[in-house]
Every structure is written in C-alpha cells, then in structure tokens.
Amino acid sequence: MNVYGVVGWKNAGKTGLMERLVTEITGRGVSVSTVKHAHHSFDVDRPGKDSHRHRVAGATEVLLASRNRFALMHELRDDAEPALSALLQKLAPVDLVLIEGYKRDSHPKIEAHRAVTGNPLIAPGDPTVRAVASDTPLDLDRPVFDLNDTAAIADFILSEVGL
C-alpha cells in the first residue's frame, strides 16, 4: 500500500492541504483513503444514540451501518494507542493512503508550514520529510512548494510513490 504523510505544527495548514490533495488526486482517477491522528480524545458518536449506548454498555466494537456508509468504532479501553501500521491494515485496498499527523513515524512526508505560526520547521531534523509546502520562500536541501500549489504537490507525491 502506498502511503504518504502530511505533517506540521498546529495551524500550519495540514487539514486544508489534505483536503485539497484528496480532491486533486481522486480527480485524476487515483483512489485515496486518509488517516488522521488525533492528539486528544474524540468521539464520532453522540450520547443517546443506540450505537453510543452499545459502547457505554461495554461493547468492544460497534459497527454502525446504513445504505450510504458504515463506521466501525473500536473502544481501546485499557489498550495502548495502536501503531499506524496496525491501523493501515484495517483499510480496504486503495492506490494511496494520505496520513495527517504521525510525524514521528517513518513513512515519507511533506511538511505544511505557515510563517505566521512562528513554529520551527520539522524538515531540517527529519529525513522522512521529503519536501515542504510553505506560504513563504525557504532555502532548504529538499523541494519547497507553495502551500497553495496543490497540483504541483500532488505531482510530487504521486511521483514519490510511483503512481
């Protein structure tokens, strides 16, 4: 499975870049799935709904299905956060999986960077960051793209993974 990450500090433009990349790449006929790392507790369910009641009652997994989509919720309870590699195995086969976050994992990545945040670049200390998408010119030892040049960034990623 081809995987490529988008990393960066908070408010660097990661989610916007991910959204634009999914639109651009799927528009080229390439199937894409995404993985998003959340640093905090999150819930896709709502209190009072049957599926939420099942989870609260102690179910390890709840699969919620309709004719439009399904969602499998797995409660970790006492388990540690699963490794990215284990999560990737749960996805159906696609041409490319774009990963938002997981900056410490070893897959290839592009860093989203916005100067206004004042955060340092990740790229100089991380060889898995193969390029940077920035809203300001940078002098680096790897490609730097305009953060809004989605087509060029997509070209780079697809070339990197051989698609």
N, C-alpha and C. Protein backbone atom coordinates (compact mmCIF):
# COMPACT_ATOMS: atom_id res chain seq x y z
N MET A 1 0.85 -1.18 0.00
CA MET A 1 0.00 0.00 0.00
C MET A 1 0.89 1.24 0.00
N ASN A 2 0.60 2.18 -0.87
CA ASN A 2 1.35 3.43 -0.94
C ASN A 2 0.84 4.38 0.13
N VAL A 3 1.75 4.88 0.95
CA VAL A 3 1.37 5.85 1.98
C VAL A 3 2.25 7.08 1.87
N TYR A 4 1.65 8.23 2.17
CA TYR A 4 2.39 9.49 2.18
C TYR A 4 1.75 10.38 3.23
N GLY A 5 2.58 11.04 4.01
CA GLY A 5 2.07 11.84 5.11
C GLY A 5 2.11 13.33 4.86
N VAL A 6 1.26 14.03 5.60
CA VAL A 6 1.27 15.49 5.68
C VAL A 6 1.44 15.80 7.16
N VAL A 7 2.53 16.48 7.49
CA VAL A 7 2.83 16.81 8.88
C VAL A 7 3.03 18.31 9.02
N GLY A 8 3.10 18.76 10.24
CA GLY A 8 3.32 20.17 10.53
C GLY A 8 2.78 20.48 11.91
N TRP A 9 3.15 21.62 12.43
CA TRP A 9 2.67 22.03 13.74
C TRP A 9 1.23 22.54 13.62
N LYS A 10 0.62 22.79 14.74
CA LYS A 10 -0.76 23.29 14.79
C LYS A 10 -0.90 24.56 13.94
N ASN A 11 -2.00 24.65 13.21
CA ASN A 11 -2.33 25.79 12.34
C ASN A 11 -1.37 25.99 11.17
N ALA A 12 -0.66 24.92 10.78
CA ALA A 12 0.27 25.02 9.66
C ALA A 12 -0.42 24.85 8.31
N GLY A 13 -1.66 24.39 8.31
CA GLY A 13 -2.37 24.19 7.06
C GLY A 13 -2.47 22.73 6.64
N LYS A 14 -2.24 21.81 7.55
CA LYS A 14 -2.26 20.39 7.22
C LYS A 14 -3.62 19.92 6.69
N THR A 15 -4.68 20.23 7.41
CA THR A 15 -6.00 19.73 7.03
C THR A 15 -6.47 20.31 5.71
N GLY A 16 -6.24 21.59 5.50
CA GLY A 16 -6.60 22.20 4.21
C GLY A 16 -5.82 21.57 3.08
N LEU A 17 -4.53 21.33 3.29
CA LEU A 17 -3.71 20.69 2.27
C LEU A 17 -4.21 19.27 2.00
N MET A 18 -4.52 18.53 3.06
CA MET A 18 -5.06 17.17 2.89
C MET A 18 -6.33 17.20 2.05
N GLU A 19 -7.22 18.09 2.38
CA GLU A 19 -8.50 18.18 1.67
C GLU A 19 -8.27 18.48 0.18
N ARG A 20 -7.40 19.44 -0.09
CA ARG A 20 -7.12 19.79 -1.49
C ARG A 20 -6.43 18.63 -2.23
N LEU A 21 -5.52 17.94 -1.53
CA LEU A 21 -4.83 16.80 -2.15
C LEU A 21 -5.80 15.67 -2.47
N VAL A 22 -6.70 15.37 -1.56
CA VAL A 22 -7.68 14.30 -1.83
C VAL A 22 -8.51 14.66 -3.06
N THR A 23 -8.98 15.89 -3.13
CA THR A 23 -9.77 16.33 -4.28
C THR A 23 -8.96 16.25 -5.57
N GLU A 24 -7.74 16.75 -5.53
CA GLU A 24 -6.87 16.76 -6.72
C GLU A 24 -6.53 15.35 -7.18
N ILE A 25 -6.11 14.51 -6.26
CA ILE A 25 -5.63 13.18 -6.62
C ILE A 25 -6.78 12.27 -7.03
N THR A 26 -7.90 12.31 -6.33
CA THR A 26 -9.04 11.49 -6.75
C THR A 26 -9.58 11.98 -8.09
N GLY A 27 -9.46 13.28 -8.35
CA GLY A 27 -9.87 13.84 -9.64
C GLY A 27 -9.04 13.30 -10.79
N ARG A 28 -7.89 12.77 -10.49
CA ARG A 28 -7.01 12.17 -11.51
C ARG A 28 -7.28 10.68 -11.67
N GLY A 29 -8.28 10.17 -10.96
CA GLY A 29 -8.64 8.76 -11.07
C GLY A 29 -7.88 7.84 -10.14
N VAL A 30 -7.20 8.40 -9.15
CA VAL A 30 -6.44 7.61 -8.17
C VAL A 30 -7.31 7.46 -6.92
N SER A 31 -7.46 6.21 -6.44
CA SER A 31 -8.26 6.01 -5.23
C SER A 31 -7.43 6.37 -4.00
N VAL A 32 -8.07 7.09 -3.08
CA VAL A 32 -7.37 7.62 -1.90
C VAL A 32 -8.19 7.34 -0.64
N SER A 33 -7.51 6.91 0.41
CA SER A 33 -8.08 6.87 1.75
C SER A 33 -7.22 7.77 2.62
N THR A 34 -7.74 8.16 3.76
CA THR A 34 -6.97 9.01 4.66
C THR A 34 -6.97 8.45 6.08
N VAL A 35 -5.92 8.81 6.80
CA VAL A 35 -5.81 8.52 8.23
C VAL A 35 -5.48 9.84 8.89
N LYS A 36 -6.19 10.17 9.95
CA LYS A 36 -5.96 11.42 10.69
C LYS A 36 -5.66 11.07 12.13
N HIS A 37 -4.52 11.52 12.62
CA HIS A 37 -4.18 11.30 14.02
C HIS A 37 -4.77 12.41 14.87
N ALA A 38 -5.41 12.02 15.94
CA ALA A 38 -5.96 12.99 16.89
C ALA A 38 -5.15 12.90 18.18
N HIS A 39 -4.70 14.04 18.67
CA HIS A 39 -3.89 14.06 19.89
C HIS A 39 -4.73 14.09 21.14
N HIS A 40 -6.01 14.05 21.00
CA HIS A 40 -6.89 14.18 22.14
C HIS A 40 -8.03 13.18 21.99
N SER A 41 -8.80 13.04 23.02
CA SER A 41 -9.95 12.16 22.95
C SER A 41 -10.96 12.74 21.96
N PHE A 42 -11.56 11.89 21.18
CA PHE A 42 -12.56 12.35 20.23
C PHE A 42 -13.68 11.33 20.21
N ASP A 43 -14.80 11.71 19.67
CA ASP A 43 -15.93 10.80 19.57
C ASP A 43 -16.70 11.12 18.30
N VAL A 44 -16.98 10.09 17.52
CA VAL A 44 -17.79 10.27 16.32
C VAL A 44 -19.25 9.93 16.61
N ASP A 45 -19.49 9.51 17.82
CA ASP A 45 -20.82 9.09 18.24
C ASP A 45 -21.44 10.16 19.12
N ARG A 46 -22.74 10.04 19.39
CA ARG A 46 -23.41 11.04 20.22
C ARG A 46 -24.17 10.36 21.36
N PRO A 47 -24.08 10.92 22.55
CA PRO A 47 -24.86 10.36 23.66
C PRO A 47 -26.34 10.28 23.31
N GLY A 48 -26.96 9.20 23.73
CA GLY A 48 -28.38 9.00 23.48
C GLY A 48 -28.66 8.15 22.25
N LYS A 49 -27.72 8.10 21.30
CA LYS A 49 -27.90 7.27 20.11
C LYS A 49 -27.67 5.80 20.49
N ASP A 50 -28.33 4.91 19.77
CA ASP A 50 -28.23 3.49 20.09
C ASP A 50 -26.78 3.00 20.09
N SER A 51 -26.01 3.41 19.07
CA SER A 51 -24.62 2.96 18.97
C SER A 51 -23.81 3.44 20.18
N HIS A 52 -24.06 4.65 20.63
CA HIS A 52 -23.38 5.17 21.81
C HIS A 52 -23.76 4.35 23.04
N ARG A 53 -25.02 4.01 23.15
CA ARG A 53 -25.49 3.20 24.27
C ARG A 53 -24.81 1.84 24.27
N HIS A 54 -24.61 1.26 23.10
CA HIS A 54 -23.92 -0.03 23.00
C HIS A 54 -22.49 0.08 23.53
N ARG A 55 -21.78 1.13 23.12
CA ARG A 55 -20.39 1.33 23.57
C ARG A 55 -20.32 1.55 25.06
N VAL A 56 -21.19 2.42 25.58
CA VAL A 56 -21.19 2.70 27.01
C VAL A 56 -21.50 1.43 27.82
N ALA A 57 -22.31 0.57 27.24
CA ALA A 57 -22.66 -0.68 27.91
C ALA A 57 -21.48 -1.64 27.98
N GLY A 58 -20.44 -1.40 27.15
CA GLY A 58 -19.23 -2.22 27.24
C GLY A 58 -18.81 -2.92 25.98
N ALA A 59 -19.50 -2.71 24.86
CA ALA A 59 -19.11 -3.37 23.62
C ALA A 59 -17.70 -2.95 23.21
N THR A 60 -16.91 -3.89 22.77
CA THR A 60 -15.57 -3.60 22.29
C THR A 60 -15.63 -2.91 20.94
N GLU A 61 -16.50 -3.41 20.05
CA GLU A 61 -16.68 -2.78 18.75
C GLU A 61 -18.17 -2.59 18.49
N VAL A 62 -18.47 -1.49 17.82
CA VAL A 62 -19.83 -1.22 17.36
C VAL A 62 -19.71 -0.84 15.89
N LEU A 63 -20.41 -1.56 15.04
CA LEU A 63 -20.43 -1.25 13.63
C LEU A 63 -21.79 -0.64 13.32
N LEU A 64 -21.76 0.60 12.90
CA LEU A 64 -22.97 1.35 12.57
C LEU A 64 -23.06 1.39 11.05
N ALA A 65 -24.17 0.91 10.49
CA ALA A 65 -24.27 0.79 9.04
C ALA A 65 -25.59 1.31 8.51
N SER A 66 -25.50 1.89 7.31
CA SER A 66 -26.68 2.30 6.55
C SER A 66 -26.40 2.00 5.09
N ARG A 67 -27.32 2.37 4.22
CA ARG A 67 -27.08 2.13 2.80
C ARG A 67 -26.05 3.09 2.22
N ASN A 68 -25.69 4.15 2.93
CA ASN A 68 -24.74 5.14 2.44
C ASN A 68 -23.32 4.96 2.96
N ARG A 69 -23.15 4.41 4.15
CA ARG A 69 -21.81 4.27 4.73
C ARG A 69 -21.88 3.37 5.95
N PHE A 70 -20.69 2.97 6.42
CA PHE A 70 -20.63 2.30 7.71
C PHE A 70 -19.45 2.86 8.48
N ALA A 71 -19.55 2.76 9.78
CA ALA A 71 -18.47 3.22 10.66
C ALA A 71 -18.24 2.13 11.71
N LEU A 72 -17.00 1.73 11.85
CA LEU A 72 -16.64 0.75 12.86
C LEU A 72 -15.92 1.49 13.97
N MET A 73 -16.51 1.48 15.14
CA MET A 73 -15.90 2.13 16.30
C MET A 73 -15.34 1.04 17.20
N HIS A 74 -14.08 1.16 17.54
CA HIS A 74 -13.40 0.18 18.39
C HIS A 74 -12.93 0.89 19.65
N GLU A 75 -13.43 0.47 20.77
CA GLU A 75 -13.03 1.05 22.05
C GLU A 75 -11.72 0.42 22.50
N LEU A 76 -10.75 1.25 22.80
CA LEU A 76 -9.45 0.74 23.24
C LEU A 76 -9.47 0.37 24.72
N ARG A 77 -10.34 0.98 25.48
CA ARG A 77 -10.47 0.74 26.91
C ARG A 77 -9.11 0.74 27.60
N ASP A 78 -8.53 -0.41 27.84
CA ASP A 78 -7.24 -0.47 28.55
C ASP A 78 -6.05 -0.66 27.62
N ASP A 79 -6.30 -0.69 26.32
CA ASP A 79 -5.22 -0.91 25.35
C ASP A 79 -4.48 0.38 25.06
N ALA A 80 -3.25 0.23 24.61
CA ALA A 80 -2.45 1.38 24.18
C ALA A 80 -2.94 1.81 22.79
N GLU A 81 -2.59 3.02 22.41
CA GLU A 81 -2.93 3.50 21.07
C GLU A 81 -2.30 2.58 20.04
N PRO A 82 -3.06 2.13 19.04
CA PRO A 82 -2.50 1.22 18.05
C PRO A 82 -1.47 1.91 17.17
N ALA A 83 -0.51 1.14 16.71
CA ALA A 83 0.52 1.64 15.80
C ALA A 83 -0.11 1.96 14.45
N LEU A 84 0.46 2.92 13.76
CA LEU A 84 -0.03 3.28 12.43
C LEU A 84 -0.07 2.06 11.52
N SER A 85 0.94 1.22 11.57
CA SER A 85 0.97 0.03 10.71
C SER A 85 -0.23 -0.87 10.96
N ALA A 86 -0.64 -1.00 12.20
CA ALA A 86 -1.82 -1.82 12.52
C ALA A 86 -3.09 -1.18 11.99
N LEU A 87 -3.17 0.15 12.06
CA LEU A 87 -4.35 0.84 11.56
C LEU A 87 -4.44 0.75 10.04
N LEU A 88 -3.31 0.84 9.36
CA LEU A 88 -3.31 0.75 7.90
C LEU A 88 -3.83 -0.60 7.42
N GLN A 89 -3.59 -1.65 8.20
CA GLN A 89 -4.06 -2.98 7.84
C GLN A 89 -5.58 -3.08 7.87
N LYS A 90 -6.23 -2.16 8.54
CA LYS A 90 -7.69 -2.17 8.64
C LYS A 90 -8.37 -1.53 7.44
N LEU A 91 -7.60 -0.82 6.62
CA LEU A 91 -8.18 -0.13 5.46
C LEU A 91 -8.33 -1.06 4.27
N ALA A 92 -9.38 -0.83 3.49
CA ALA A 92 -9.55 -1.54 2.23
C ALA A 92 -8.46 -1.07 1.26
N PRO A 93 -8.05 -1.93 0.33
CA PRO A 93 -7.01 -1.54 -0.61
C PRO A 93 -7.40 -0.32 -1.45
N VAL A 94 -6.47 0.61 -1.58
CA VAL A 94 -6.60 1.80 -2.43
C VAL A 94 -5.24 2.08 -3.05
N ASP A 95 -5.21 3.02 -3.98
CA ASP A 95 -3.94 3.37 -4.61
C ASP A 95 -3.01 4.12 -3.66
N LEU A 96 -3.59 4.99 -2.81
CA LEU A 96 -2.79 5.85 -1.94
C LEU A 96 -3.52 6.14 -0.64
N VAL A 97 -2.79 6.04 0.46
CA VAL A 97 -3.32 6.48 1.75
C VAL A 97 -2.55 7.73 2.15
N LEU A 98 -3.28 8.83 2.34
CA LEU A 98 -2.68 10.06 2.83
C LEU A 98 -2.89 10.10 4.34
N ILE A 99 -1.81 10.39 5.06
CA ILE A 99 -1.83 10.36 6.51
C ILE A 99 -1.58 11.76 7.05
N GLU A 100 -2.51 12.26 7.86
CA GLU A 100 -2.32 13.56 8.51
C GLU A 100 -1.85 13.32 9.93
N GLY A 101 -0.68 13.82 10.24
CA GLY A 101 -0.11 13.61 11.56
C GLY A 101 0.88 12.45 11.53
N TYR A 102 1.07 11.81 12.66
CA TYR A 102 2.04 10.71 12.79
C TYR A 102 3.42 11.17 12.33
N LYS A 103 3.82 12.36 12.77
CA LYS A 103 5.08 12.92 12.29
C LYS A 103 6.30 12.13 12.73
N ARG A 104 6.18 11.33 13.77
CA ARG A 104 7.34 10.56 14.25
C ARG A 104 7.48 9.19 13.58
N ASP A 105 6.51 8.81 12.76
CA ASP A 105 6.59 7.53 12.05
C ASP A 105 7.51 7.66 10.84
N SER A 106 7.88 6.52 10.26
CA SER A 106 8.95 6.51 9.26
C SER A 106 8.49 6.63 7.81
N HIS A 107 7.21 6.77 7.54
CA HIS A 107 6.75 6.91 6.16
C HIS A 107 7.17 8.27 5.59
N PRO A 108 7.23 8.39 4.26
CA PRO A 108 7.60 9.68 3.65
C PRO A 108 6.50 10.72 3.87
N LYS A 109 6.94 11.98 4.01
CA LYS A 109 6.00 13.05 4.36
C LYS A 109 6.35 14.34 3.63
N ILE A 110 5.33 15.20 3.57
CA ILE A 110 5.53 16.58 3.17
C ILE A 110 5.10 17.43 4.36
N GLU A 111 5.87 18.46 4.66
CA GLU A 111 5.55 19.32 5.80
C GLU A 111 4.79 20.55 5.34
N ALA A 112 3.67 20.81 6.00
CA ALA A 112 2.92 22.05 5.78
C ALA A 112 3.49 23.08 6.75
N HIS A 113 3.75 24.28 6.23
CA HIS A 113 4.37 25.32 7.06
C HIS A 113 3.77 26.68 6.74
N ARG A 114 3.33 27.37 7.77
CA ARG A 114 2.84 28.74 7.62
C ARG A 114 3.70 29.62 8.53
N ALA A 115 4.31 30.64 7.98
CA ALA A 115 5.24 31.50 8.72
C ALA A 115 4.58 32.18 9.91
N VAL A 116 3.30 32.54 9.78
CA VAL A 116 2.61 33.29 10.83
C VAL A 116 2.56 32.53 12.16
N THR A 117 2.67 31.21 12.12
CA THR A 117 2.60 30.43 13.36
C THR A 117 3.85 30.59 14.22
N GLY A 118 4.97 30.96 13.58
CA GLY A 118 6.22 31.13 14.31
C GLY A 118 6.87 29.82 14.73
N ASN A 119 6.35 28.70 14.28
CA ASN A 119 6.92 27.40 14.64
C ASN A 119 8.13 27.07 13.79
N PRO A 120 9.08 26.34 14.36
CA PRO A 120 10.24 25.93 13.58
C PRO A 120 9.86 24.84 12.58
N LEU A 121 10.66 24.70 11.55
CA LEU A 121 10.44 23.62 10.59
C LEU A 121 10.81 22.28 11.19
N ILE A 122 10.08 21.25 10.81
CA ILE A 122 10.39 19.88 11.20
C ILE A 122 11.44 19.31 10.27
N ALA A 123 11.37 19.68 8.99
CA ALA A 123 12.19 19.09 7.93
C ALA A 123 13.69 19.02 8.22
N PRO A 124 14.33 20.09 8.70
CA PRO A 124 15.78 20.02 8.86
C PRO A 124 16.28 18.87 9.73
N GLY A 125 15.51 18.44 10.69
CA GLY A 125 15.94 17.35 11.56
C GLY A 125 15.28 16.03 11.26
N ASP A 126 14.56 15.93 10.15
CA ASP A 126 13.80 14.71 9.86
C ASP A 126 13.93 14.33 8.39
N PRO A 127 14.72 13.30 8.07
CA PRO A 127 14.90 12.91 6.68
C PRO A 127 13.65 12.29 6.05
N THR A 128 12.64 11.92 6.84
CA THR A 128 11.41 11.38 6.25
C THR A 128 10.53 12.48 5.66
N VAL A 129 10.82 13.74 6.02
CA VAL A 129 10.12 14.88 5.40
C VAL A 129 10.83 15.15 4.08
N ARG A 130 10.18 14.76 2.97
CA ARG A 130 10.82 14.82 1.66
C ARG A 130 10.69 16.16 0.98
N ALA A 131 9.73 17.00 1.45
CA ALA A 131 9.51 18.31 0.85
C ALA A 131 8.71 19.15 1.84
N VAL A 132 8.66 20.45 1.57
CA VAL A 132 7.91 21.37 2.42
C VAL A 132 6.96 22.17 1.54
N ALA A 133 5.73 22.33 2.02
CA ALA A 133 4.74 23.19 1.36
C ALA A 133 4.57 24.40 2.28
N SER A 134 5.00 25.57 1.82
CA SER A 134 5.07 26.74 2.68
C SER A 134 4.40 27.96 2.04
N ASP A 135 3.98 28.87 2.91
CA ASP A 135 3.41 30.13 2.41
C ASP A 135 4.47 31.21 2.28
N THR A 136 5.73 30.83 2.49
CA THR A 136 6.84 31.77 2.38
C THR A 136 8.04 31.04 1.75
N PRO A 137 8.86 31.71 0.96
CA PRO A 137 10.03 31.05 0.38
C PRO A 137 10.99 30.55 1.47
N LEU A 138 11.57 29.39 1.24
CA LEU A 138 12.51 28.79 2.18
C LEU A 138 13.72 28.28 1.41
N ASP A 139 14.87 28.30 2.08
CA ASP A 139 16.09 27.76 1.49
C ASP A 139 16.41 26.45 2.21
N LEU A 140 16.05 25.33 1.58
CA LEU A 140 16.23 24.02 2.19
C LEU A 140 16.94 23.07 1.23
N ASP A 141 17.36 21.95 1.77
CA ASP A 141 18.05 20.92 0.98
C ASP A 141 17.07 19.94 0.33
N ARG A 142 15.80 20.31 0.24
CA ARG A 142 14.76 19.49 -0.39
C ARG A 142 13.74 20.40 -1.04
N PRO A 143 12.88 19.86 -1.87
CA PRO A 143 11.93 20.73 -2.60
C PRO A 143 11.03 21.53 -1.66
N VAL A 144 10.75 22.76 -2.07
CA VAL A 144 9.81 23.64 -1.36
C VAL A 144 8.74 24.05 -2.35
N PHE A 145 7.49 23.82 -1.99
CA PHE A 145 6.35 24.16 -2.84
C PHE A 145 5.55 25.27 -2.19
N ASP A 146 4.86 26.04 -3.01
CA ASP A 146 3.89 26.99 -2.48
C ASP A 146 2.78 26.17 -1.84
N LEU A 147 2.41 26.51 -0.64
CA LEU A 147 1.40 25.77 0.12
C LEU A 147 0.09 25.62 -0.65
N ASN A 148 -0.20 26.56 -1.53
CA ASN A 148 -1.45 26.52 -2.29
C ASN A 148 -1.31 25.93 -3.69
N ASP A 149 -0.13 25.46 -4.05
CA ASP A 149 0.07 24.86 -5.37
C ASP A 149 -0.22 23.36 -5.28
N THR A 150 -1.48 23.05 -5.11
CA THR A 150 -1.92 21.68 -4.87
C THR A 150 -1.52 20.75 -6.01
N ALA A 151 -1.65 21.19 -7.24
CA ALA A 151 -1.32 20.32 -8.38
C ALA A 151 0.15 19.91 -8.34
N ALA A 152 1.05 20.85 -8.07
CA ALA A 152 2.49 20.53 -8.02
C ALA A 152 2.80 19.60 -6.85
N ILE A 153 2.15 19.82 -5.72
CA ILE A 153 2.37 18.96 -4.55
C ILE A 153 1.86 17.56 -4.85
N ALA A 154 0.68 17.46 -5.48
CA ALA A 154 0.14 16.16 -5.87
C ALA A 154 1.07 15.46 -6.85
N ASP A 155 1.58 16.19 -7.83
CA ASP A 155 2.54 15.61 -8.79
C ASP A 155 3.72 15.02 -8.06
N PHE A 156 4.26 15.77 -7.09
CA PHE A 156 5.43 15.32 -6.33
C PHE A 156 5.12 14.05 -5.56
N ILE A 157 4.01 14.04 -4.83
CA ILE A 157 3.65 12.87 -4.03
C ILE A 157 3.43 11.65 -4.92
N LEU A 158 2.68 11.81 -5.99
CA LEU A 158 2.41 10.69 -6.88
C LEU A 158 3.69 10.16 -7.51
N SER A 159 4.61 11.04 -7.84
CA SER A 159 5.91 10.63 -8.37
C SER A 159 6.69 9.87 -7.30
N GLU A 160 6.67 10.37 -6.08
CA GLU A 160 7.40 9.71 -4.98
C GLU A 160 6.93 8.29 -4.75
N VAL A 161 5.62 8.04 -4.88
CA VAL A 161 5.09 6.69 -4.61
C VAL A 161 4.97 5.84 -5.87
N GLY A 162 5.33 6.41 -7.02
CA GLY A 162 5.31 5.65 -8.27
C GLY A 162 3.94 5.51 -8.91
N LEU A 163 3.07 6.48 -8.68
CA LEU A 163 1.73 6.44 -9.31
C LEU A 163 1.64 7.48 -10.42
